[in-house]
Amino acid sequence: MSKKWSKIFVSTDPIKVKIISQMLEENNITTVIINKQDSSYNMFGNIELYTQDINYESAVKILKNKENE
């Protein structure tokens, strides 16, 4: 990754991470999902969602607005 990326969300639920990623993508915020879960036992490890630093504040604002709904 040549551009600066920041972690904006962490979960063990892959569906939740995907939904948040799609919500941000709909708002023109590029995201990357990095799955650090154990491949044998999906209950160990986290799934991390990253966005470019230039979009970090916008992404956090969208997440907070969605959380308050």
PDB file of N, CA and C in Angstrom:
ATOM      1  N   MET A   1       0.837  -1.167   0.000  1.00  0.00           N
ATOM      2  CA  MET A   1       0.000   0.000   0.000  1.00  0.00           C
ATOM      3  C   MET A   1       0.889   1.240   0.000  1.00  0.00           C
ATOM      4  N   SER A   2       0.906   1.955  -1.074  1.00  0.00           N
ATOM      5  CA  SER A   2       1.772   3.117  -1.182  1.00  0.00           C
ATOM      6  C   SER A   2       1.192   4.346  -0.485  1.00  0.00           C
ATOM      7  N   LYS A   3      -0.124   4.435  -0.413  1.00  0.00           N
ATOM      8  CA  LYS A   3      -0.743   5.577   0.251  1.00  0.00           C
ATOM      9  C   LYS A   3      -0.885   5.272   1.734  1.00  0.00           C
ATOM     10  N   LYS A   4      -1.029   6.303   2.525  1.00  0.00           N
ATOM     11  CA  LYS A   4      -1.193   6.125   3.964  1.00  0.00           C
ATOM     12  C   LYS A   4      -2.603   5.623   4.261  1.00  0.00           C
ATOM     13  N   TRP A   5      -2.695   4.592   5.076  1.00  0.00           N
ATOM     14  CA  TRP A   5      -3.965   3.994   5.444  1.00  0.00           C
ATOM     15  C   TRP A   5      -4.099   3.975   6.957  1.00  0.00           C
ATOM     16  N   SER A   6      -5.321   4.141   7.450  1.00  0.00           N
ATOM     17  CA  SER A   6      -5.597   4.117   8.885  1.00  0.00           C
ATOM     18  C   SER A   6      -6.715   3.130   9.169  1.00  0.00           C
ATOM     19  N   LYS A   7      -6.600   2.451  10.303  1.00  0.00           N
ATOM     20  CA  LYS A   7      -7.615   1.499  10.731  1.00  0.00           C
ATOM     21  C   LYS A   7      -8.799   2.284  11.295  1.00  0.00           C
ATOM     22  N   ILE A   8     -10.011   1.965  10.800  1.00  0.00           N
ATOM     23  CA  ILE A   8     -11.185   2.676  11.280  1.00  0.00           C
ATOM     24  C   ILE A   8     -12.177   1.772  11.991  1.00  0.00           C
ATOM     25  N   PHE A   9     -12.036   0.459  11.832  1.00  0.00           N
ATOM     26  CA  PHE A   9     -12.989  -0.444  12.460  1.00  0.00           C
ATOM     27  C   PHE A   9     -12.359  -1.815  12.610  1.00  0.00           C
ATOM     28  N   VAL A  10     -12.684  -2.482  13.731  1.00  0.00           N
ATOM     29  CA  VAL A  10     -12.204  -3.840  13.997  1.00  0.00           C
ATOM     30  C   VAL A  10     -13.357  -4.662  14.541  1.00  0.00           C
ATOM     31  N   SER A  11     -13.498  -5.886  14.064  1.00  0.00           N
ATOM     32  CA  SER A  11     -14.548  -6.776  14.540  1.00  0.00           C
ATOM     33  C   SER A  11     -14.158  -8.221  14.275  1.00  0.00           C
ATOM     34  N   THR A  12     -14.865  -9.129  14.915  1.00  0.00           N
ATOM     35  CA  THR A  12     -14.698 -10.550  14.605  1.00  0.00           C
ATOM     36  C   THR A  12     -15.816 -11.028  13.686  1.00  0.00           C
ATOM     37  N   ASP A  13     -16.765 -10.147  13.387  1.00  0.00           N
ATOM     38  CA  ASP A  13     -17.919 -10.480  12.550  1.00  0.00           C
ATOM     39  C   ASP A  13     -17.679 -10.024  11.111  1.00  0.00           C
ATOM     40  N   PRO A  14     -17.412 -10.967  10.197  1.00  0.00           N
ATOM     41  CA  PRO A  14     -17.122 -10.582   8.815  1.00  0.00           C
ATOM     42  C   PRO A  14     -18.280  -9.884   8.111  1.00  0.00           C
ATOM     43  N   ILE A  15     -19.494 -10.219   8.461  1.00  0.00           N
ATOM     44  CA  ILE A  15     -20.656  -9.598   7.830  1.00  0.00           C
ATOM     45  C   ILE A  15     -20.753  -8.130   8.229  1.00  0.00           C
ATOM     46  N   LYS A  16     -20.545  -7.842   9.508  1.00  0.00           N
ATOM     47  CA  LYS A  16     -20.596  -6.462   9.985  1.00  0.00           C
ATOM     48  C   LYS A  16     -19.527  -5.603   9.313  1.00  0.00           C
ATOM     49  N   VAL A  17     -18.321  -6.151   9.184  1.00  0.00           N
ATOM     50  CA  VAL A  17     -17.227  -5.412   8.537  1.00  0.00           C
ATOM     51  C   VAL A  17     -17.578  -5.141   7.074  1.00  0.00           C
ATOM     52  N   LYS A  18     -18.135  -6.126   6.391  1.00  0.00           N
ATOM     53  CA  LYS A  18     -18.494  -5.960   4.978  1.00  0.00           C
ATOM     54  C   LYS A  18     -19.590  -4.912   4.803  1.00  0.00           C
ATOM     55  N   ILE A  19     -20.572  -4.916   5.700  1.00  0.00           N
ATOM     56  CA  ILE A  19     -21.658  -3.928   5.625  1.00  0.00           C
ATOM     57  C   ILE A  19     -21.107  -2.516   5.811  1.00  0.00           C
ATOM     58  N   ILE A  20     -20.231  -2.336   6.791  1.00  0.00           N
ATOM     59  CA  ILE A  20     -19.639  -1.017   7.030  1.00  0.00           C
ATOM     60  C   ILE A  20     -18.778  -0.598   5.845  1.00  0.00           C
ATOM     61  N   SER A  21     -18.029  -1.548   5.297  1.00  0.00           N
ATOM     62  CA  SER A  21     -17.205  -1.250   4.124  1.00  0.00           C
ATOM     63  C   SER A  21     -18.063  -0.785   2.950  1.00  0.00           C
ATOM     64  N   GLN A  22     -19.154  -1.482   2.699  1.00  0.00           N
ATOM     65  CA  GLN A  22     -20.042  -1.108   1.597  1.00  0.00           C
ATOM     66  C   GLN A  22     -20.696   0.245   1.834  1.00  0.00           C
ATOM     67  N   MET A  23     -21.063   0.530   3.086  1.00  0.00           N
ATOM     68  CA  MET A  23     -21.655   1.821   3.415  1.00  0.00           C
ATOM     69  C   MET A  23     -20.671   2.955   3.105  1.00  0.00           C
ATOM     70  N   LEU A  24     -19.411   2.759   3.473  1.00  0.00           N
ATOM     71  CA  LEU A  24     -18.396   3.780   3.195  1.00  0.00           C
ATOM     72  C   LEU A  24     -18.126   3.895   1.698  1.00  0.00           C
ATOM     73  N   GLU A  25     -18.089   2.774   0.999  1.00  0.00           N
ATOM     74  CA  GLU A  25     -17.878   2.790  -0.454  1.00  0.00           C
ATOM     75  C   GLU A  25     -18.993   3.553  -1.167  1.00  0.00           C
ATOM     76  N   GLU A  26     -20.227   3.428  -0.655  1.00  0.00           N
ATOM     77  CA  GLU A  26     -21.353   4.171  -1.226  1.00  0.00           C
ATOM     78  C   GLU A  26     -21.180   5.675  -1.053  1.00  0.00           C
ATOM     79  N   ASN A  27     -20.373   6.079  -0.079  1.00  0.00           N
ATOM     80  CA  ASN A  27     -20.072   7.489   0.163  1.00  0.00           C
ATOM     81  C   ASN A  27     -18.721   7.884  -0.439  1.00  0.00           C
ATOM     82  N   ASN A  28     -18.268   7.111  -1.426  1.00  0.00           N
ATOM     83  CA  ASN A  28     -17.029   7.377  -2.163  1.00  0.00           C
ATOM     84  C   ASN A  28     -15.786   7.371  -1.284  1.00  0.00           C
ATOM     85  N   ILE A  29     -15.776   6.496  -0.282  1.00  0.00           N
ATOM     86  CA  ILE A  29     -14.614   6.329   0.580  1.00  0.00           C
ATOM     87  C   ILE A  29     -14.059   4.928   0.331  1.00  0.00           C
ATOM     88  N   THR A  30     -12.848   4.871  -0.174  1.00  0.00           N
ATOM     89  CA  THR A  30     -12.210   3.605  -0.481  1.00  0.00           C
ATOM     90  C   THR A  30     -11.818   2.897   0.808  1.00  0.00           C
ATOM     91  N   THR A  31     -12.110   1.596   0.869  1.00  0.00           N
ATOM     92  CA  THR A  31     -11.766   0.816   2.052  1.00  0.00           C
ATOM     93  C   THR A  31     -11.025  -0.452   1.653  1.00  0.00           C
ATOM     94  N   VAL A  32     -10.302  -0.998   2.625  1.00  0.00           N
ATOM     95  CA  VAL A  32      -9.617  -2.268   2.454  1.00  0.00           C
ATOM     96  C   VAL A  32      -9.903  -3.101   3.694  1.00  0.00           C
ATOM     97  N   ILE A  33     -10.293  -4.351   3.485  1.00  0.00           N
ATOM     98  CA  ILE A  33     -10.549  -5.271   4.585  1.00  0.00           C
ATOM     99  C   ILE A  33      -9.366  -6.218   4.696  1.00  0.00           C
ATOM    100  N   ILE A  34      -8.821  -6.326   5.906  1.00  0.00           N
ATOM    101  CA  ILE A  34      -7.733  -7.267   6.155  1.00  0.00           C
ATOM    102  C   ILE A  34      -8.228  -8.259   7.211  1.00  0.00           C
ATOM    103  N   ASN A  35      -8.339  -9.510   6.787  1.00  0.00           N
ATOM    104  CA  ASN A  35      -8.837 -10.563   7.660  1.00  0.00           C
ATOM    105  C   ASN A  35      -7.654 -11.239   8.343  1.00  0.00           C
ATOM    106  N   LYS A  36      -7.556 -11.065   9.655  1.00  0.00           N
ATOM    107  CA  LYS A  36      -6.477 -11.663  10.437  1.00  0.00           C
ATOM    108  C   LYS A  36      -6.980 -12.831  11.279  1.00  0.00           C
ATOM    109  N   GLN A  37      -8.138 -13.371  10.898  1.00  0.00           N
ATOM    110  CA  GLN A  37      -8.681 -14.508  11.624  1.00  0.00           C
ATOM    111  C   GLN A  37      -7.938 -15.778  11.233  1.00  0.00           C
ATOM    112  N   ASP A  38      -7.827 -16.682  12.175  1.00  0.00           N
ATOM    113  CA  ASP A  38      -7.228 -17.986  11.926  1.00  0.00           C
ATOM    114  C   ASP A  38      -8.066 -18.709  10.876  1.00  0.00           C
ATOM    115  N   SER A  39      -7.443 -19.277   9.875  1.00  0.00           N
ATOM    116  CA  SER A  39      -8.186 -19.907   8.788  1.00  0.00           C
ATOM    117  C   SER A  39      -8.861 -21.214   9.211  1.00  0.00           C
ATOM    118  N   SER A  40      -8.358 -21.849  10.256  1.00  0.00           N
ATOM    119  CA  SER A  40      -8.957 -23.099  10.721  1.00  0.00           C
ATOM    120  C   SER A  40     -10.113 -22.861  11.677  1.00  0.00           C
ATOM    121  N   TYR A  41      -9.946 -21.865  12.529  1.00  0.00           N
ATOM    122  CA  TYR A  41     -10.960 -21.553  13.541  1.00  0.00           C
ATOM    123  C   TYR A  41     -11.285 -20.065  13.447  1.00  0.00           C
ATOM    124  N   ASN A  42     -12.387 -19.734  12.815  1.00  0.00           N
ATOM    125  CA  ASN A  42     -12.732 -18.337  12.576  1.00  0.00           C
ATOM    126  C   ASN A  42     -13.064 -17.557  13.840  1.00  0.00           C
ATOM    127  N   MET A  43     -12.985 -18.195  15.002  1.00  0.00           N
ATOM    128  CA  MET A  43     -13.294 -17.472  16.230  1.00  0.00           C
ATOM    129  C   MET A  43     -12.068 -16.792  16.825  1.00  0.00           C
ATOM    130  N   PHE A  44     -10.887 -17.005  16.271  1.00  0.00           N
ATOM    131  CA  PHE A  44      -9.666 -16.384  16.768  1.00  0.00           C
ATOM    132  C   PHE A  44      -9.185 -15.319  15.786  1.00  0.00           C
ATOM    133  N   GLY A  45      -8.947 -14.128  16.300  1.00  0.00           N
ATOM    134  CA  GLY A  45      -8.425 -13.055  15.462  1.00  0.00           C
ATOM    135  C   GLY A  45      -9.497 -12.060  15.066  1.00  0.00           C
ATOM    136  N   ASN A  46      -9.051 -10.974  14.471  1.00  0.00           N
ATOM    137  CA  ASN A  46      -9.941  -9.871  14.094  1.00  0.00           C
ATOM    138  C   ASN A  46      -9.939  -9.643  12.594  1.00  0.00           C
ATOM    139  N   ILE A  47     -10.944  -8.917  12.167  1.00  0.00           N
ATOM    140  CA  ILE A  47     -11.023  -8.422  10.802  1.00  0.00           C
ATOM    141  C   ILE A  47     -10.930  -6.913  10.904  1.00  0.00           C
ATOM    142  N   GLU A  48      -9.989  -6.330  10.170  1.00  0.00           N
ATOM    143  CA  GLU A  48      -9.732  -4.892  10.273  1.00  0.00           C
ATOM    144  C   GLU A  48     -10.161  -4.189   8.993  1.00  0.00           C
ATOM    145  N   LEU A  49     -10.717  -3.001   9.163  1.00  0.00           N
ATOM    146  CA  LEU A  49     -11.158  -2.179   8.037  1.00  0.00           C
ATOM    147  C   LEU A  49     -10.302  -0.921   8.002  1.00  0.00           C
ATOM    148  N   TYR A  50      -9.708  -0.647   6.873  1.00  0.00           N
ATOM    149  CA  TYR A  50      -8.819   0.503   6.701  1.00  0.00           C
ATOM    150  C   TYR A  50      -9.369   1.441   5.637  1.00  0.00           C
ATOM    151  N   THR A  51      -9.011   2.718   5.775  1.00  0.00           N
ATOM    152  CA  THR A  51      -9.306   3.718   4.758  1.00  0.00           C
ATOM    153  C   THR A  51      -8.082   4.618   4.600  1.00  0.00           C
ATOM    154  N   GLN A  52      -8.005   5.303   3.477  1.00  0.00           N
ATOM    155  CA  GLN A  52      -6.886   6.224   3.248  1.00  0.00           C
ATOM    156  C   GLN A  52      -6.963   7.367   4.250  1.00  0.00           C
ATOM    157  N   ASP A  53      -5.802   7.869   4.645  1.00  0.00           N
ATOM    158  CA  ASP A  53      -5.744   8.953   5.624  1.00  0.00           C
ATOM    159  C   ASP A  53      -6.564  10.168   5.205  1.00  0.00           C
ATOM    160  N   ILE A  54      -6.602  10.455   3.912  1.00  0.00           N
ATOM    161  CA  ILE A  54      -7.347  11.636   3.454  1.00  0.00           C
ATOM    162  C   ILE A  54      -8.851  11.483   3.665  1.00  0.00           C
ATOM    163  N   ASN A  55      -9.329  10.241   3.803  1.00  0.00           N
ATOM    164  CA  ASN A  55     -10.753   9.974   4.011  1.00  0.00           C
ATOM    165  C   ASN A  55     -11.092   9.617   5.453  1.00  0.00           C
ATOM    166  N   TYR A  56     -10.093   9.591   6.320  1.00  0.00           N
ATOM    167  CA  TYR A  56     -10.290   9.104   7.687  1.00  0.00           C
ATOM    168  C   TYR A  56     -11.375   9.877   8.439  1.00  0.00           C
ATOM    169  N   GLU A  57     -11.290  11.189   8.447  1.00  0.00           N
ATOM    170  CA  GLU A  57     -12.258  11.997   9.204  1.00  0.00           C
ATOM    171  C   GLU A  57     -13.678  11.828   8.666  1.00  0.00           C
ATOM    172  N   SER A  58     -13.822  11.797   7.363  1.00  0.00           N
ATOM    173  CA  SER A  58     -15.146  11.599   6.760  1.00  0.00           C
ATOM    174  C   SER A  58     -15.706  10.232   7.125  1.00  0.00           C
ATOM    175  N   ALA A  59     -14.864   9.219   7.107  1.00  0.00           N
ATOM    176  CA  ALA A  59     -15.302   7.856   7.436  1.00  0.00           C
ATOM    177  C   ALA A  59     -15.746   7.765   8.887  1.00  0.00           C
ATOM    178  N   VAL A  60     -14.986   8.352   9.788  1.00  0.00           N
ATOM    179  CA  VAL A  60     -15.346   8.331  11.206  1.00  0.00           C
ATOM    180  C   VAL A  60     -16.662   9.066  11.432  1.00  0.00           C
ATOM    181  N   LYS A  61     -16.850  10.170  10.751  1.00  0.00           N
ATOM    182  CA  LYS A  61     -18.093  10.943  10.890  1.00  0.00           C
ATOM    183  C   LYS A  61     -19.291  10.119  10.413  1.00  0.00           C
ATOM    184  N   ILE A  62     -19.142   9.419   9.315  1.00  0.00           N
ATOM    185  CA  ILE A  62     -20.219   8.572   8.795  1.00  0.00           C
ATOM    186  C   ILE A  62     -20.536   7.456   9.779  1.00  0.00           C
ATOM    187  N   LEU A  63     -19.497   6.835  10.335  1.00  0.00           N
ATOM    188  CA  LEU A  63     -19.702   5.759  11.309  1.00  0.00           C
ATOM    189  C   LEU A  63     -20.407   6.263  12.570  1.00  0.00           C
ATOM    190  N   LYS A  64     -20.024   7.437  13.044  1.00  0.00           N
ATOM    191  CA  LYS A  64     -20.661   8.000  14.240  1.00  0.00           C
ATOM    192  C   LYS A  64     -22.113   8.358  13.967  1.00  0.00           C
ATOM    193  N   ASN A  65     -22.397   8.927  12.786  1.00  0.00           N
ATOM    194  CA  ASN A  65     -23.773   9.257  12.427  1.00  0.00           C
ATOM    195  C   ASN A  65     -24.631   7.998  12.353  1.00  0.00           C
ATOM    196  N   LYS A  66     -24.092   6.945  11.775  1.00  0.00           N
ATOM    197  CA  LYS A  66     -24.824   5.685  11.651  1.00  0.00           C
ATOM    198  C   LYS A  66     -25.060   5.072  13.027  1.00  0.00           C
ATOM    199  N   GLU A  67     -24.082   5.196  13.904  1.00  0.00           N
ATOM    200  CA  GLU A  67     -24.188   4.660  15.258  1.00  0.00           C
ATOM    201  C   GLU A  67     -25.278   5.376  16.067  1.00  0.00           C
ATOM    202  N   ASN A  68     -25.455   6.668  15.810  1.00  0.00           N
ATOM    203  CA  ASN A  68     -26.441   7.462  16.547  1.00  0.00           C
ATOM    204  C   ASN A  68     -27.873   7.279  16.037  1.00  0.00           C
ATOM    205  N   GLU A  69     -28.037   6.631  14.902  1.00  0.00           N
ATOM    206  CA  GLU A  69     -29.387   6.437  14.343  1.00  0.00           C
ATOM    207  C   GLU A  69     -30.144   5.384  15.104  1.00  0.00           C
TER     208      GLU A  69
END
